[in-house]
Amino acid sequence: MRAELDAMRRAGMVRTRFAARFDLMDRRGFIALQDVETPLGPIRHIWIRPGHWNGRIPHKGERVKFRAQIEPYWRDDGSEDLGLFRLQVLP
């Protein structure tokens, strides 16, 4: 589980601001973000599931600021993790 997201959630920071470098959108609609800045420290990378990105699609390498909801989800291997959902790109 991502320690930074877990600590934020336990501290009551369920929906908050982030910044990251846009990497790619794959053919299935998943978005990869790199060097994600959180209030409690960096996350190397994170994937945003299809349908949870609201706003313009940046160019590869572009920094983007956004607000997102921290929520649990189940990974393909059956383990639980935390991810960013209902993301809203900020101006």
Protein backbone atom coordinates (compact mmCIF):
# COMPACT_ATOMS: atom_id res chain seq x y z
CA MET A 1 0.00 0.00 0.00
CA ARG A 2 1.26 3.49 -0.77
CA ALA A 3 2.45 4.83 2.59
CA GLU A 4 1.93 8.51 1.70
CA LEU A 5 -1.68 7.99 0.59
CA ASP A 6 -2.39 5.81 3.63
CA ALA A 7 -0.99 8.46 6.01
CA MET A 8 -2.98 11.20 4.28
CA ARG A 9 -6.19 9.20 4.50
CA ARG A 10 -5.67 8.39 8.18
CA ALA A 11 -5.06 12.12 8.82
CA GLY A 12 -8.44 12.95 7.27
CA MET A 13 -7.00 14.25 4.00
CA VAL A 14 -9.44 12.38 1.79
CA ARG A 15 -9.57 14.88 -1.08
CA THR A 16 -6.55 17.08 -1.62
CA ARG A 17 -4.23 18.80 -4.09
CA PHE A 18 -1.40 17.10 -5.92
CA ALA A 19 1.05 17.91 -8.71
CA ALA A 20 2.73 15.48 -11.10
CA ARG A 21 4.44 15.07 -14.45
CA PHE A 22 2.10 13.65 -17.11
CA ASP A 23 3.61 10.56 -18.74
CA LEU A 24 1.03 8.86 -20.96
CA MET A 25 -2.48 7.67 -21.63
CA ASP A 26 -2.57 4.07 -22.81
CA ARG A 27 -4.98 2.62 -25.37
CA ARG A 28 -7.33 1.46 -22.56
CA GLY A 29 -7.59 4.99 -21.12
CA PHE A 30 -5.33 4.53 -18.08
CA ILE A 31 -3.18 7.60 -17.34
CA ALA A 32 0.34 7.34 -15.92
CA LEU A 33 1.68 10.16 -13.76
CA GLN A 34 5.31 10.42 -12.63
CA ASP A 35 6.94 12.27 -9.72
CA VAL A 36 3.66 12.86 -7.89
CA GLU A 37 3.96 15.56 -5.22
CA THR A 38 1.75 15.02 -2.18
CA PRO A 39 1.50 17.06 1.04
CA LEU A 40 3.36 14.23 2.84
CA GLY A 41 6.07 13.41 0.32
CA PRO A 42 6.65 12.22 -3.24
CA ILE A 43 5.26 9.14 -4.98
CA ARG A 44 7.35 7.85 -7.89
CA HIS A 45 4.41 7.03 -10.13
CA ILE A 46 0.69 6.36 -10.04
CA TRP A 47 -1.96 5.21 -12.51
CA ILE A 48 -5.33 6.91 -12.90
CA ARG A 49 -8.14 4.61 -13.98
CA PRO A 50 -10.25 5.38 -17.08
CA GLY A 51 -13.07 7.82 -16.45
CA HIS A 52 -11.45 9.43 -13.39
CA TRP A 53 -9.52 12.17 -15.24
CA ASN A 54 -11.51 15.40 -15.59
CA GLY A 55 -9.80 18.16 -17.51
CA ARG A 56 -7.55 18.62 -20.49
CA ILE A 57 -5.00 15.95 -21.38
CA PRO A 58 -1.49 17.45 -20.99
CA HIS A 59 1.49 16.80 -23.23
CA LYS A 60 4.04 14.17 -22.19
CA GLY A 61 6.36 15.63 -19.55
CA GLU A 62 4.07 18.54 -18.69
CA ARG A 63 3.53 19.33 -15.00
CA VAL A 64 -0.09 19.28 -13.96
CA LYS A 65 -1.83 20.34 -10.73
CA PHE A 66 -4.98 18.56 -9.68
CA ARG A 67 -7.32 17.67 -6.85
CA ALA A 68 -8.19 14.02 -6.31
CA GLN A 69 -9.97 11.68 -3.92
CA ILE A 70 -7.93 9.01 -2.08
CA GLU A 71 -9.86 5.74 -2.21
CA PRO A 72 -9.13 2.03 -1.73
CA TYR A 73 -9.28 -0.41 -4.63
CA TRP A 74 -8.47 -4.08 -5.26
CA ARG A 75 -5.44 -4.94 -7.39
CA ASP A 76 -5.52 -7.78 -9.93
CA ASP A 77 -3.63 -10.02 -7.46
CA GLY A 78 -6.40 -9.56 -4.84
CA SER A 79 -4.49 -7.19 -2.58
CA GLU A 80 -5.94 -3.88 -1.45
CA ASP A 81 -4.22 -0.59 -2.31
CA LEU A 82 -5.01 3.12 -2.33
CA GLY A 83 -5.32 5.21 -5.47
CA LEU A 84 -6.42 8.59 -6.75
CA PHE A 85 -9.96 8.85 -8.08
CA ARG A 86 -12.32 11.60 -9.32
CA LEU A 87 -9.35 13.71 -10.37
CA GLN A 88 -10.00 17.32 -11.39
CA VAL A 89 -7.26 19.19 -13.26
CA LEU A 90 -6.69 22.67 -11.81
CA PRO A 91 -5.91 25.79 -13.86
